[in-house]
Amino acid sequence: MDMKKSKKKKIIICIGLAVVCLVAAGVLAYHFLKPVPDNDAAYIDGNAKDWDDGAAAAGTAGDTMQVPGYDSAVMNAGDTNLAIKIGNPEENTCYLKATLMLEDGTVLFESGLMEPGKGYDSVPLSQSLGTGEYKAYVKYQGYSMDDAKKPLNSSESAFTLTVQ
């Protein structure tokens, strides 16, 4: 009789562990795959203005989006504004979110979702930088323009940031 109780106990423990694993997998899947909420205006970047990328739209990320490309940018030490064109070329049929960061992962600027033809001619930085050369990136993440706002392709544009 003790063997039957022990066997039942093991089965109950296995079922409990399986349920916990399934719930954890569901929570993780929801967290990483959830779309941007449709009715949350904070995601649409209200600070982005009408924007013309001129000749900056050099790169592509897949077949669905163009992104501006950069070779270099220059700014003065202590400034918290960088004159760089970050935006969504009007030829795109998706939203773009831009994150400007240094090679070490320091995020200097992050936009909301920019509509095609919207962007920045200069961006406010989260901190000033000391004199020197920095390897920097602008990561563009595309999102569908439907109600789900699902993540699409992404692309990074690397450049040298010189602080004088």
C-alpha atoms as a PDB file:
ATOM      1  CA  MET A   1       0.000   0.000   0.000  1.00  0.00           C
ATOM      2  CA  ASP A   2       2.868   2.386   0.684  1.00  0.00           C
ATOM      3  CA  MET A   3       4.158   1.818  -2.871  1.00  0.00           C
ATOM      4  CA  LYS A   4       0.803   2.902  -4.314  1.00  0.00           C
ATOM      5  CA  LYS A   5       0.822   6.094  -2.217  1.00  0.00           C
ATOM      6  CA  SER A   6       4.420   6.825  -3.216  1.00  0.00           C
ATOM      7  CA  LYS A   7       3.628   6.268  -6.898  1.00  0.00           C
ATOM      8  CA  LYS A   8       0.550   8.551  -6.676  1.00  0.00           C
ATOM      9  CA  LYS A   9       2.637  11.220  -4.958  1.00  0.00           C
ATOM     10  CA  LYS A  10       5.256  11.097  -7.752  1.00  0.00           C
ATOM     11  CA  ILE A  11       2.550  11.395 -10.428  1.00  0.00           C
ATOM     12  CA  ILE A  12       0.976  14.392  -8.677  1.00  0.00           C
ATOM     13  CA  ILE A  13       4.373  16.084  -8.362  1.00  0.00           C
ATOM     14  CA  CYS A  14       5.129  15.475 -12.071  1.00  0.00           C
ATOM     15  CA  ILE A  15       1.747  16.875 -13.116  1.00  0.00           C
ATOM     16  CA  GLY A  16       2.270  19.906 -10.866  1.00  0.00           C
ATOM     17  CA  LEU A  17       5.710  20.571 -12.341  1.00  0.00           C
ATOM     18  CA  ALA A  18       4.332  20.221 -15.887  1.00  0.00           C
ATOM     19  CA  VAL A  19       1.591  22.773 -15.105  1.00  0.00           C
ATOM     20  CA  VAL A  20       4.129  25.212 -13.627  1.00  0.00           C
ATOM     21  CA  CYS A  21       6.354  24.841 -16.726  1.00  0.00           C
ATOM     22  CA  LEU A  22       3.408  25.426 -19.074  1.00  0.00           C
ATOM     23  CA  VAL A  23       2.333  28.547 -17.188  1.00  0.00           C
ATOM     24  CA  ALA A  24       5.906  29.893 -17.171  1.00  0.00           C
ATOM     25  CA  ALA A  25       6.237  29.251 -20.925  1.00  0.00           C
ATOM     26  CA  GLY A  26       2.939  31.050 -21.539  1.00  0.00           C
ATOM     27  CA  VAL A  27       4.002  34.071 -19.503  1.00  0.00           C
ATOM     28  CA  LEU A  28       7.345  34.281 -21.317  1.00  0.00           C
ATOM     29  CA  ALA A  29       5.706  33.901 -24.732  1.00  0.00           C
ATOM     30  CA  TYR A  30       3.214  36.658 -23.925  1.00  0.00           C
ATOM     31  CA  HIS A  31       5.959  38.975 -22.681  1.00  0.00           C
ATOM     32  CA  PHE A  32       8.222  38.550 -25.714  1.00  0.00           C
ATOM     33  CA  LEU A  33       5.597  38.245 -28.461  1.00  0.00           C
ATOM     34  CA  LYS A  34       2.960  40.749 -27.403  1.00  0.00           C
ATOM     35  CA  PRO A  35       2.263  43.509 -29.951  1.00  0.00           C
ATOM     36  CA  VAL A  36       2.449  47.182 -29.104  1.00  0.00           C
ATOM     37  CA  PRO A  37      -0.989  48.188 -27.722  1.00  0.00           C
ATOM     38  CA  ASP A  38      -3.115  49.881 -30.394  1.00  0.00           C
ATOM     39  CA  ASN A  39      -4.779  52.543 -28.286  1.00  0.00           C
ATOM     40  CA  ASP A  40      -1.743  53.619 -26.272  1.00  0.00           C
ATOM     41  CA  ALA A  41      -0.797  57.023 -27.703  1.00  0.00           C
ATOM     42  CA  ALA A  42       2.527  56.930 -25.835  1.00  0.00           C
ATOM     43  CA  TYR A  43       3.851  54.558 -28.452  1.00  0.00           C
ATOM     44  CA  ILE A  44       3.235  56.949 -31.350  1.00  0.00           C
ATOM     45  CA  ASP A  45       5.996  59.544 -31.199  1.00  0.00           C
ATOM     46  CA  GLY A  46       4.259  62.912 -30.925  1.00  0.00           C
ATOM     47  CA  ASN A  47       7.616  64.728 -30.926  1.00  0.00           C
ATOM     48  CA  ALA A  48       8.584  63.493 -34.391  1.00  0.00           C
ATOM     49  CA  LYS A  49       8.011  66.207 -36.995  1.00  0.00           C
ATOM     50  CA  ASP A  50       7.548  66.220 -40.759  1.00  0.00           C
ATOM     51  CA  TRP A  51      10.866  64.949 -41.962  1.00  0.00           C
ATOM     52  CA  ASP A  52      12.780  64.667 -45.207  1.00  0.00           C
ATOM     53  CA  ASP A  53      15.578  62.151 -45.152  1.00  0.00           C
ATOM     54  CA  GLY A  54      17.173  63.582 -48.289  1.00  0.00           C
ATOM     55  CA  ALA A  55      19.980  61.289 -49.348  1.00  0.00           C
ATOM     56  CA  ALA A  56      20.242  59.633 -45.956  1.00  0.00           C
ATOM     57  CA  ALA A  57      17.987  56.662 -46.805  1.00  0.00           C
ATOM     58  CA  ALA A  58      20.767  54.321 -47.839  1.00  0.00           C
ATOM     59  CA  GLY A  59      20.089  51.024 -46.130  1.00  0.00           C
ATOM     60  CA  THR A  60      17.263  48.551 -46.170  1.00  0.00           C
ATOM     61  CA  ALA A  61      16.131  45.928 -43.723  1.00  0.00           C
ATOM     62  CA  GLY A  62      14.447  43.263 -45.794  1.00  0.00           C
ATOM     63  CA  ASP A  63      11.957  44.148 -48.471  1.00  0.00           C
ATOM     64  CA  THR A  64       9.667  46.263 -46.329  1.00  0.00           C
ATOM     65  CA  MET A  65      11.594  49.225 -44.968  1.00  0.00           C
ATOM     66  CA  GLN A  66      14.286  51.779 -45.659  1.00  0.00           C
ATOM     67  CA  VAL A  67      16.420  53.259 -42.910  1.00  0.00           C
ATOM     68  CA  PRO A  68      18.758  56.255 -42.828  1.00  0.00           C
ATOM     69  CA  GLY A  69      22.469  55.460 -42.884  1.00  0.00           C
ATOM     70  CA  TYR A  70      25.334  57.394 -41.315  1.00  0.00           C
ATOM     71  CA  ASP A  71      29.130  57.517 -41.550  1.00  0.00           C
ATOM     72  CA  SER A  72      29.847  59.975 -38.775  1.00  0.00           C
ATOM     73  CA  ALA A  73      28.473  62.695 -36.540  1.00  0.00           C
ATOM     74  CA  VAL A  74      30.177  65.486 -34.596  1.00  0.00           C
ATOM     75  CA  MET A  75      29.117  67.296 -31.451  1.00  0.00           C
ATOM     76  CA  ASN A  76      30.618  69.449 -28.713  1.00  0.00           C
ATOM     77  CA  ALA A  77      31.557  68.008 -25.328  1.00  0.00           C
ATOM     78  CA  GLY A  78      28.871  68.703 -22.748  1.00  0.00           C
ATOM     79  CA  ASP A  79      26.060  69.116 -25.318  1.00  0.00           C
ATOM     80  CA  THR A  80      22.915  67.084 -24.867  1.00  0.00           C
ATOM     81  CA  ASN A  81      21.634  67.507 -28.412  1.00  0.00           C
ATOM     82  CA  LEU A  82      23.034  65.677 -31.456  1.00  0.00           C
ATOM     83  CA  ALA A  83      22.443  66.983 -34.984  1.00  0.00           C
ATOM     84  CA  ILE A  84      21.690  63.700 -36.756  1.00  0.00           C
ATOM     85  CA  LYS A  85      18.745  62.786 -38.989  1.00  0.00           C
ATOM     86  CA  ILE A  86      16.759  60.009 -37.346  1.00  0.00           C
ATOM     87  CA  GLY A  87      13.409  59.226 -38.862  1.00  0.00           C
ATOM     88  CA  ASN A  88      11.140  57.089 -40.966  1.00  0.00           C
ATOM     89  CA  PRO A  89      11.470  57.657 -44.738  1.00  0.00           C
ATOM     90  CA  GLU A  90       8.070  58.370 -46.263  1.00  0.00           C
ATOM     91  CA  GLU A  91       8.495  55.488 -48.728  1.00  0.00           C
ATOM     92  CA  ASN A  92       8.083  53.020 -45.858  1.00  0.00           C
ATOM     93  CA  THR A  93       4.804  51.282 -45.139  1.00  0.00           C
ATOM     94  CA  CYS A  94       5.573  50.625 -41.464  1.00  0.00           C
ATOM     95  CA  TYR A  95       6.264  52.458 -38.225  1.00  0.00           C
ATOM     96  CA  LEU A  96       9.904  52.746 -37.139  1.00  0.00           C
ATOM     97  CA  LYS A  97      11.265  53.015 -33.613  1.00  0.00           C
ATOM     98  CA  ALA A  98      14.851  54.295 -33.337  1.00  0.00           C
ATOM     99  CA  THR A  99      17.310  53.714 -30.522  1.00  0.00           C
ATOM    100  CA  LEU A 100      20.623  55.595 -30.533  1.00  0.00           C
ATOM    101  CA  MET A 101      23.244  53.840 -28.425  1.00  0.00           C
ATOM    102  CA  LEU A 102      26.949  53.572 -27.852  1.00  0.00           C
ATOM    103  CA  GLU A 103      28.930  50.388 -28.447  1.00  0.00           C
ATOM    104  CA  ASP A 104      28.863  49.630 -24.693  1.00  0.00           C
ATOM    105  CA  GLY A 105      25.045  49.591 -24.752  1.00  0.00           C
ATOM    106  CA  THR A 106      24.474  53.056 -23.268  1.00  0.00           C
ATOM    107  CA  VAL A 107      21.171  54.318 -24.696  1.00  0.00           C
ATOM    108  CA  LEU A 108      21.391  57.998 -25.616  1.00  0.00           C
ATOM    109  CA  PHE A 109      18.001  58.403 -27.318  1.00  0.00           C
ATOM    110  CA  GLU A 110      14.896  56.308 -27.957  1.00  0.00           C
ATOM    111  CA  SER A 111      11.974  57.396 -30.081  1.00  0.00           C
ATOM    112  CA  GLY A 112       8.414  56.231 -30.015  1.00  0.00           C
ATOM    113  CA  LEU A 113       6.852  54.772 -33.152  1.00  0.00           C
ATOM    114  CA  MET A 114       7.485  57.195 -36.007  1.00  0.00           C
ATOM    115  CA  GLU A 115       5.061  57.297 -38.895  1.00  0.00           C
ATOM    116  CA  PRO A 116       6.435  57.358 -42.454  1.00  0.00           C
ATOM    117  CA  GLY A 117       7.673  60.885 -43.241  1.00  0.00           C
ATOM    118  CA  LYS A 118       8.195  61.748 -39.538  1.00  0.00           C
ATOM    119  CA  GLY A 119      11.427  62.068 -37.610  1.00  0.00           C
ATOM    120  CA  TYR A 120      14.116  64.294 -36.102  1.00  0.00           C
ATOM    121  CA  ASP A 121      16.821  66.517 -37.588  1.00  0.00           C
ATOM    122  CA  SER A 122      18.502  66.502 -34.178  1.00  0.00           C
ATOM    123  CA  VAL A 123      17.850  64.392 -31.098  1.00  0.00           C
ATOM    124  CA  PRO A 124      17.950  65.164 -27.370  1.00  0.00           C
ATOM    125  CA  LEU A 125      20.452  62.896 -25.626  1.00  0.00           C
ATOM    126  CA  SER A 126      19.936  61.341 -22.217  1.00  0.00           C
ATOM    127  CA  GLN A 127      23.430  62.433 -21.155  1.00  0.00           C
ATOM    128  CA  SER A 128      26.387  64.513 -22.312  1.00  0.00           C
ATOM    129  CA  LEU A 129      29.594  62.868 -23.485  1.00  0.00           C
ATOM    130  CA  GLY A 130      33.232  63.676 -22.848  1.00  0.00           C
ATOM    131  CA  THR A 131      35.731  64.464 -25.594  1.00  0.00           C
ATOM    132  CA  GLY A 132      36.675  61.498 -27.771  1.00  0.00           C
ATOM    133  CA  GLU A 133      35.550  59.163 -30.513  1.00  0.00           C
ATOM    134  CA  TYR A 134      32.742  56.734 -29.849  1.00  0.00           C
ATOM    135  CA  LYS A 135      31.379  53.872 -31.911  1.00  0.00           C
ATOM    136  CA  ALA A 136      27.630  54.454 -32.024  1.00  0.00           C
ATOM    137  CA  TYR A 137      24.602  52.744 -33.548  1.00  0.00           C
ATOM    138  CA  VAL A 138      21.076  53.658 -34.451  1.00  0.00           C
ATOM    139  CA  LYS A 139      18.906  50.563 -34.226  1.00  0.00           C
ATOM    140  CA  TYR A 140      15.690  50.776 -36.214  1.00  0.00           C
ATOM    141  CA  GLN A 141      12.859  48.405 -35.341  1.00  0.00           C
ATOM    142  CA  GLY A 142       9.933  48.216 -37.741  1.00  0.00           C
ATOM    143  CA  TYR A 143       6.329  47.676 -36.669  1.00  0.00           C
ATOM    144  CA  SER A 144       3.282  46.928 -38.790  1.00  0.00           C
ATOM    145  CA  MET A 145       0.820  49.778 -39.235  1.00  0.00           C
ATOM    146  CA  ASP A 146      -2.224  47.587 -38.607  1.00  0.00           C
ATOM    147  CA  ASP A 147      -4.019  47.367 -35.284  1.00  0.00           C
ATOM    148  CA  ALA A 148      -1.633  44.721 -33.926  1.00  0.00           C
ATOM    149  CA  LYS A 149       1.562  46.791 -34.509  1.00  0.00           C
ATOM    150  CA  LYS A 150       3.583  43.583 -34.756  1.00  0.00           C
ATOM    151  CA  PRO A 151       7.392  43.740 -34.793  1.00  0.00           C
ATOM    152  CA  LEU A 152       8.906  43.483 -38.281  1.00  0.00           C
ATOM    153  CA  ASN A 153      12.511  43.628 -39.456  1.00  0.00           C
ATOM    154  CA  SER A 154      15.180  45.570 -37.630  1.00  0.00           C
ATOM    155  CA  SER A 155      18.431  47.142 -38.773  1.00  0.00           C
ATOM    156  CA  GLU A 156      21.433  48.842 -37.199  1.00  0.00           C
ATOM    157  CA  SER A 157      23.367  51.721 -38.699  1.00  0.00           C
ATOM    158  CA  ALA A 158      26.864  52.045 -37.200  1.00  0.00           C
ATOM    159  CA  PHE A 159      28.795  55.319 -37.261  1.00  0.00           C
ATOM    160  CA  THR A 160      31.607  57.198 -35.542  1.00  0.00           C
ATOM    161  CA  LEU A 161      30.510  59.864 -33.078  1.00  0.00           C
ATOM    162  CA  THR A 162      33.212  62.468 -32.509  1.00  0.00           C
ATOM    163  CA  VAL A 163      32.876  64.651 -29.433  1.00  0.00           C
ATOM    164  CA  GLN A 164      35.090  67.775 -29.513  1.00  0.00           C
END
